[in-house]
């Protein structure tokens, strides 16, 4: 039982870290120059992937 609680805590922590990363990327996008669209699209892609990872982790946490 303790092992499952440790895993839950670890996954929850990872989910929170992903949330923080998404916020940091959003700030970079907001403060970036508008003429660097290729760079912005890369950041947006990273943000989308992190969002997908967060959703998957949250799904796992709900089903535990």
PDB file of N, CA and C in Angstrom:
ATOM      1  N   UNK A   1       0.821  -1.196   0.000  1.00  0.00           N
ATOM      2  CA  UNK A   1       0.000   0.000   0.000  1.00  0.00           C
ATOM      3  C   UNK A   1       0.864   1.259   0.000  1.00  0.00           C
ATOM      4  N   UNK A   2       1.895   1.254   0.807  1.00  0.00           N
ATOM      5  CA  UNK A   2       2.775   2.406   0.887  1.00  0.00           C
ATOM      6  C   UNK A   2       3.428   2.697  -0.457  1.00  0.00           C
ATOM      7  N   UNK A   3       3.765   1.656  -1.187  1.00  0.00           N
ATOM      8  CA  UNK A   3       4.380   1.818  -2.497  1.00  0.00           C
ATOM      9  C   UNK A   3       3.435   2.529  -3.464  1.00  0.00           C
ATOM     10  N   UNK A   4       2.145   2.180  -3.423  1.00  0.00           N
ATOM     11  CA  UNK A   4       1.165   2.836  -4.284  1.00  0.00           C
ATOM     12  C   UNK A   4       1.005   4.301  -3.909  1.00  0.00           C
ATOM     13  N   UNK A   5       1.056   4.605  -2.631  1.00  0.00           N
ATOM     14  CA  UNK A   5       0.958   5.991  -2.194  1.00  0.00           C
ATOM     15  C   UNK A   5       2.171   6.778  -2.669  1.00  0.00           C
ATOM     16  N   UNK A   6       3.350   6.147  -2.627  1.00  0.00           N
ATOM     17  CA  UNK A   6       4.562   6.800  -3.114  1.00  0.00           C
ATOM     18  C   UNK A   6       4.457   7.092  -4.606  1.00  0.00           C
ATOM     19  N   UNK A   7       3.933   6.135  -5.363  1.00  0.00           N
ATOM     20  CA  UNK A   7       3.765   6.331  -6.801  1.00  0.00           C
ATOM     21  C   UNK A   7       2.762   7.445  -7.067  1.00  0.00           C
ATOM     22  N   UNK A   8       1.647   7.452  -6.340  1.00  0.00           N
ATOM     23  CA  UNK A   8       0.644   8.501  -6.497  1.00  0.00           C
ATOM     24  C   UNK A   8       1.260   9.864  -6.216  1.00  0.00           C
ATOM     25  N   UNK A   9       2.016   9.964  -5.138  1.00  0.00           N
ATOM     26  CA  UNK A   9       2.653  11.235  -4.776  1.00  0.00           C
ATOM     27  C   UNK A   9       3.644  11.669  -5.853  1.00  0.00           C
ATOM     28  N   UNK A  10       4.395  10.729  -6.372  1.00  0.00           N
ATOM     29  CA  UNK A  10       5.376  11.043  -7.418  1.00  0.00           C
ATOM     30  C   UNK A  10       4.683  11.522  -8.693  1.00  0.00           C
ATOM     31  N   UNK A  11       3.633  10.820  -9.112  1.00  0.00           N
ATOM     32  CA  UNK A  11       2.896  11.222 -10.311  1.00  0.00           C
ATOM     33  C   UNK A  11       2.225  12.574 -10.125  1.00  0.00           C
ATOM     34  N   UNK A  12       1.705  12.816  -8.948  1.00  0.00           N
ATOM     35  CA  UNK A  12       1.092  14.102  -8.646  1.00  0.00           C
ATOM     36  C   UNK A  12       2.125  15.223  -8.714  1.00  0.00           C
ATOM     37  N   UNK A  13       3.304  14.964  -8.193  1.00  0.00           N
ATOM     38  CA  UNK A  13       4.390  15.942  -8.246  1.00  0.00           C
ATOM     39  C   UNK A  13       4.805  16.231  -9.687  1.00  0.00           C
ATOM     40  N   UNK A  14       4.912  15.184 -10.491  1.00  0.00           N
ATOM     41  CA  UNK A  14       5.271  15.357 -11.898  1.00  0.00           C
ATOM     42  C   UNK A  14       4.214  16.188 -12.615  1.00  0.00           C
ATOM     43  N   UNK A  15       2.950  15.923 -12.334  1.00  0.00           N
ATOM     44  CA  UNK A  15       1.862  16.682 -12.941  1.00  0.00           C
ATOM     45  C   UNK A  15       1.974  18.163 -12.588  1.00  0.00           C
ATOM     46  N   UNK A  16       2.288  18.462 -11.345  1.00  0.00           N
ATOM     47  CA  UNK A  16       2.461  19.857 -10.918  1.00  0.00           C
ATOM     48  C   UNK A  16       3.649  20.507 -11.621  1.00  0.00           C
ATOM     49  N   UNK A  17       4.712  19.754 -11.791  1.00  0.00           N
ATOM     50  CA  UNK A  17       5.884  20.285 -12.484  1.00  0.00           C
ATOM     51  C   UNK A  17       5.567  20.578 -13.945  1.00  0.00           C
ATOM     52  N   UNK A  18       4.765  19.726 -14.559  1.00  0.00           N
ATOM     53  CA  UNK A  18       4.348  19.969 -15.942  1.00  0.00           C
ATOM     54  C   UNK A  18       3.513  21.241 -16.013  1.00  0.00           C
ATOM     55  N   UNK A  19       2.607  21.437 -15.046  1.00  0.00           N
ATOM     56  CA  UNK A  19       1.821  22.674 -14.999  1.00  0.00           C
ATOM     57  C   UNK A  19       2.738  23.889 -14.954  1.00  0.00           C
ATOM     58  N   UNK A  20       3.766  23.821 -14.118  1.00  0.00           N
ATOM     59  CA  UNK A  20       4.717  24.928 -14.003  1.00  0.00           C
ATOM     60  C   UNK A  20       5.457  25.162 -15.322  1.00  0.00           C
ATOM     61  N   UNK A  21       5.863  24.086 -15.982  1.00  0.00           N
ATOM     62  CA  UNK A  21       6.549  24.223 -17.266  1.00  0.00           C
ATOM     63  C   UNK A  21       5.652  24.873 -18.312  1.00  0.00           C
ATOM     64  N   UNK A  22       4.392  24.485 -18.329  1.00  0.00           N
ATOM     65  CA  UNK A  22       3.449  25.077 -19.283  1.00  0.00           C
ATOM     66  C   UNK A  22       3.327  26.574 -19.034  1.00  0.00           C
ATOM     67  N   UNK A  23       3.207  26.974 -17.777  1.00  0.00           N
ATOM     68  CA  UNK A  23       3.117  28.400 -17.452  1.00  0.00           C
ATOM     69  C   UNK A  23       4.376  29.149 -17.873  1.00  0.00           C
ATOM     70  N   UNK A  24       5.525  28.547 -17.661  1.00  0.00           N
ATOM     71  CA  UNK A  24       6.785  29.186 -18.041  1.00  0.00           C
ATOM     72  C   UNK A  24       6.887  29.344 -19.554  1.00  0.00           C
ATOM     73  N   UNK A  25       6.461  28.335 -20.293  1.00  0.00           N
ATOM     74  CA  UNK A  25       6.488  28.431 -21.753  1.00  0.00           C
ATOM     75  C   UNK A  25       5.521  29.508 -22.225  1.00  0.00           C
ATOM     76  N   UNK A  26       4.340  29.586 -21.611  1.00  0.00           N
ATOM     77  CA  UNK A  26       3.374  30.619 -21.981  1.00  0.00           C
ATOM     78  C   UNK A  26       3.964  32.007 -21.776  1.00  0.00           C
ATOM     79  N   UNK A  27       4.703  32.204 -20.685  1.00  0.00           N
ATOM     80  CA  UNK A  27       5.346  33.500 -20.430  1.00  0.00           C
ATOM     81  C   UNK A  27       6.399  33.807 -21.483  1.00  0.00           C
ATOM     82  N   UNK A  28       7.165  32.790 -21.886  1.00  0.00           N
ATOM     83  CA  UNK A  28       8.171  32.989 -22.930  1.00  0.00           C
ATOM     84  C   UNK A  28       7.491  33.390 -24.233  1.00  0.00           C
ATOM     85  N   UNK A  29       6.393  32.735 -24.557  1.00  0.00           N
ATOM     86  CA  UNK A  29       5.662  33.050 -25.786  1.00  0.00           C
ATOM     87  C   UNK A  29       5.146  34.481 -25.734  1.00  0.00           C
ATOM     88  N   UNK A  30       4.589  34.877 -24.587  1.00  0.00           N
ATOM     89  CA  UNK A  30       4.030  36.223 -24.445  1.00  0.00           C
ATOM     90  C   UNK A  30       5.093  37.304 -24.564  1.00  0.00           C
ATOM     91  N   UNK A  31       6.275  37.059 -24.036  1.00  0.00           N
ATOM     92  CA  UNK A  31       7.322  38.085 -24.032  1.00  0.00           C
ATOM     93  C   UNK A  31       8.217  38.017 -25.259  1.00  0.00           C
ATOM     94  N   UNK A  32       8.064  36.981 -26.066  1.00  0.00           N
ATOM     95  CA  UNK A  32       8.899  36.829 -27.256  1.00  0.00           C
ATOM     96  C   UNK A  32       8.537  37.841 -28.324  1.00  0.00           C
ATOM     97  N   UNK A  33       9.454  38.029 -29.249  1.00  0.00           N
ATOM     98  CA  UNK A  33       9.197  38.966 -30.345  1.00  0.00           C
ATOM     99  C   UNK A  33       8.256  38.322 -31.360  1.00  0.00           C
ATOM    100  N   UNK A  34       7.378  39.123 -31.909  1.00  0.00           N
ATOM    101  CA  UNK A  34       6.354  38.602 -32.819  1.00  0.00           C
ATOM    102  C   UNK A  34       6.920  38.231 -34.186  1.00  0.00           C
ATOM    103  N   UNK A  35       8.121  38.693 -34.526  1.00  0.00           N
ATOM    104  CA  UNK A  35       8.684  38.372 -35.832  1.00  0.00           C
ATOM    105  C   UNK A  35       9.401  37.024 -35.851  1.00  0.00           C
ATOM    106  N   UNK A  36       9.442  36.335 -34.733  1.00  0.00           N
ATOM    107  CA  UNK A  36      10.090  35.018 -34.651  1.00  0.00           C
ATOM    108  C   UNK A  36       9.023  33.925 -34.629  1.00  0.00           C
ATOM    109  N   UNK A  37       8.216  33.866 -35.674  1.00  0.00           N
ATOM    110  CA  UNK A  37       7.097  32.920 -35.697  1.00  0.00           C
ATOM    111  C   UNK A  37       7.559  31.471 -35.678  1.00  0.00           C
ATOM    112  N   UNK A  38       8.726  31.189 -36.280  1.00  0.00           N
ATOM    113  CA  UNK A  38       9.216  29.812 -36.262  1.00  0.00           C
ATOM    114  C   UNK A  38       9.542  29.377 -34.838  1.00  0.00           C
ATOM    115  N   UNK A  39      10.107  30.280 -34.062  1.00  0.00           N
ATOM    116  CA  UNK A  39      10.421  29.989 -32.661  1.00  0.00           C
ATOM    117  C   UNK A  39       9.134  29.835 -31.850  1.00  0.00           C
ATOM    118  N   UNK A  40       8.186  30.729 -32.071  1.00  0.00           N
ATOM    119  CA  UNK A  40       6.916  30.659 -31.347  1.00  0.00           C
ATOM    120  C   UNK A  40       6.183  29.361 -31.640  1.00  0.00           C
ATOM    121  N   UNK A  41       6.226  28.924 -32.887  1.00  0.00           N
ATOM    122  CA  UNK A  41       5.524  27.681 -33.214  1.00  0.00           C
ATOM    123  C   UNK A  41       6.166  26.496 -32.496  1.00  0.00           C
ATOM    124  N   UNK A  42       7.476  26.531 -32.314  1.00  0.00           N
ATOM    125  CA  UNK A  42       8.152  25.478 -31.559  1.00  0.00           C
ATOM    126  C   UNK A  42       7.722  25.469 -30.107  1.00  0.00           C
ATOM    127  N   UNK A  43       7.608  26.663 -29.524  1.00  0.00           N
ATOM    128  CA  UNK A  43       7.149  26.758 -28.137  1.00  0.00           C
ATOM    129  C   UNK A  43       5.705  26.286 -28.004  1.00  0.00           C
ATOM    130  N   UNK A  44       4.873  26.657 -28.974  1.00  0.00           N
ATOM    131  CA  UNK A  44       3.476  26.220 -28.939  1.00  0.00           C
ATOM    132  C   UNK A  44       3.375  24.701 -29.048  1.00  0.00           C
ATOM    133  N   UNK A  45       4.223  24.125 -29.880  1.00  0.00           N
ATOM    134  CA  UNK A  45       4.239  22.664 -30.022  1.00  0.00           C
ATOM    135  C   UNK A  45       4.655  22.002 -28.709  1.00  0.00           C
ATOM    136  N   UNK A  46       5.675  22.547 -28.063  1.00  0.00           N
ATOM    137  CA  UNK A  46       6.117  22.009 -26.767  1.00  0.00           C
ATOM    138  C   UNK A  46       5.004  22.134 -25.737  1.00  0.00           C
ATOM    139  N   UNK A  47       4.300  23.267 -25.757  1.00  0.00           N
ATOM    140  CA  UNK A  47       3.186  23.477 -24.825  1.00  0.00           C
ATOM    141  C   UNK A  47       2.087  22.439 -25.052  1.00  0.00           C
ATOM    142  N   UNK A  48       1.786  22.151 -26.309  1.00  0.00           N
ATOM    143  CA  UNK A  48       0.761  21.145 -26.622  1.00  0.00           C
ATOM    144  C   UNK A  48       1.176  19.759 -26.128  1.00  0.00           C
ATOM    145  N   UNK A  49       2.423  19.405 -26.343  1.00  0.00           N
ATOM    146  CA  UNK A  49       2.902  18.090 -25.888  1.00  0.00           C
ATOM    147  C   UNK A  49       2.860  17.982 -24.366  1.00  0.00           C
ATOM    148  N   UNK A  50       3.253  19.040 -23.687  1.00  0.00           N
ATOM    149  CA  UNK A  50       3.195  19.022 -22.223  1.00  0.00           C
ATOM    150  C   UNK A  50       1.749  18.913 -21.746  1.00  0.00           C
ATOM    151  N   UNK A  51       0.835  19.603 -22.435  1.00  0.00           N
ATOM    152  CA  UNK A  51      -0.577  19.497 -22.085  1.00  0.00           C
ATOM    153  C   UNK A  51      -1.090  18.076 -22.250  1.00  0.00           C
ATOM    154  N   UNK A  52      -0.656  17.411 -23.314  1.00  0.00           N
ATOM    155  CA  UNK A  52      -1.043  16.007 -23.521  1.00  0.00           C
ATOM    156  C   UNK A  52      -0.488  15.116 -22.419  1.00  0.00           C
ATOM    157  N   UNK A  53       0.757  15.360 -22.042  1.00  0.00           N
ATOM    158  CA  UNK A  53       1.369  14.574 -20.962  1.00  0.00           C
ATOM    159  C   UNK A  53       0.625  14.794 -19.653  1.00  0.00           C
ATOM    160  N   UNK A  54       0.240  16.033 -19.387  1.00  0.00           N
ATOM    161  CA  UNK A  54      -0.505  16.340 -18.159  1.00  0.00           C
ATOM    162  C   UNK A  54      -1.852  15.628 -18.153  1.00  0.00           C
ATOM    163  N   UNK A  55      -2.560  15.661 -19.267  1.00  0.00           N
ATOM    164  CA  UNK A  55      -3.856  14.979 -19.342  1.00  0.00           C
ATOM    165  C   UNK A  55      -3.709  13.482 -19.102  1.00  0.00           C
ATOM    166  N   UNK A  56      -2.673  12.885 -19.678  1.00  0.00           N
ATOM    167  CA  UNK A  56      -2.452  11.449 -19.504  1.00  0.00           C
ATOM    168  C   UNK A  56      -2.129  11.123 -18.048  1.00  0.00           C
ATOM    169  N   UNK A  57      -1.275  11.916 -17.424  1.00  0.00           N
ATOM    170  CA  UNK A  57      -0.967  11.697 -16.004  1.00  0.00           C
ATOM    171  C   UNK A  57      -2.214  11.848 -15.142  1.00  0.00           C
ATOM    172  N   UNK A  58      -3.015  12.862 -15.424  1.00  0.00           N
ATOM    173  CA  UNK A  58      -4.240  13.061 -14.646  1.00  0.00           C
ATOM    174  C   UNK A  58      -5.216  11.903 -14.841  1.00  0.00           C
ATOM    175  N   UNK A  59      -5.258  11.351 -16.051  1.00  0.00           N
ATOM    176  CA  UNK A  59      -6.109  10.184 -16.299  1.00  0.00           C
ATOM    177  C   UNK A  59      -5.628   9.003 -15.458  1.00  0.00           C
ATOM    178  N   UNK A  60      -4.330   8.799 -15.427  1.00  0.00           N
ATOM    179  CA  UNK A  60      -3.764   7.713 -14.618  1.00  0.00           C
ATOM    180  C   UNK A  60      -4.087   7.928 -13.144  1.00  0.00           C
ATOM    181  N   UNK A  61      -3.944   9.153 -12.675  1.00  0.00           N
ATOM    182  CA  UNK A  61      -4.210   9.445 -11.259  1.00  0.00           C
ATOM    183  C   UNK A  61      -5.682   9.215 -10.906  1.00  0.00           C
ATOM    184  N   UNK A  62      -6.585   9.574 -11.816  1.00  0.00           N
ATOM    185  CA  UNK A  62      -8.019   9.371 -11.556  1.00  0.00           C
ATOM    186  C   UNK A  62      -8.373   7.892 -11.475  1.00  0.00           C
ATOM    187  N   UNK A  63      -7.680   7.079 -12.263  1.00  0.00           N
ATOM    188  CA  UNK A  63      -7.995   5.652 -12.332  1.00  0.00           C
ATOM    189  C   UNK A  63      -7.282   4.817 -11.277  1.00  0.00           C
ATOM    190  N   UNK A  64      -6.527   5.414 -10.402  1.00  0.00           N
ATOM    191  CA  UNK A  64      -5.783   4.670  -9.366  1.00  0.00           C
ATOM    192  C   UNK A  64      -6.652   4.383  -8.189  1.00  0.00           C
TER     193      UNK A  64
END
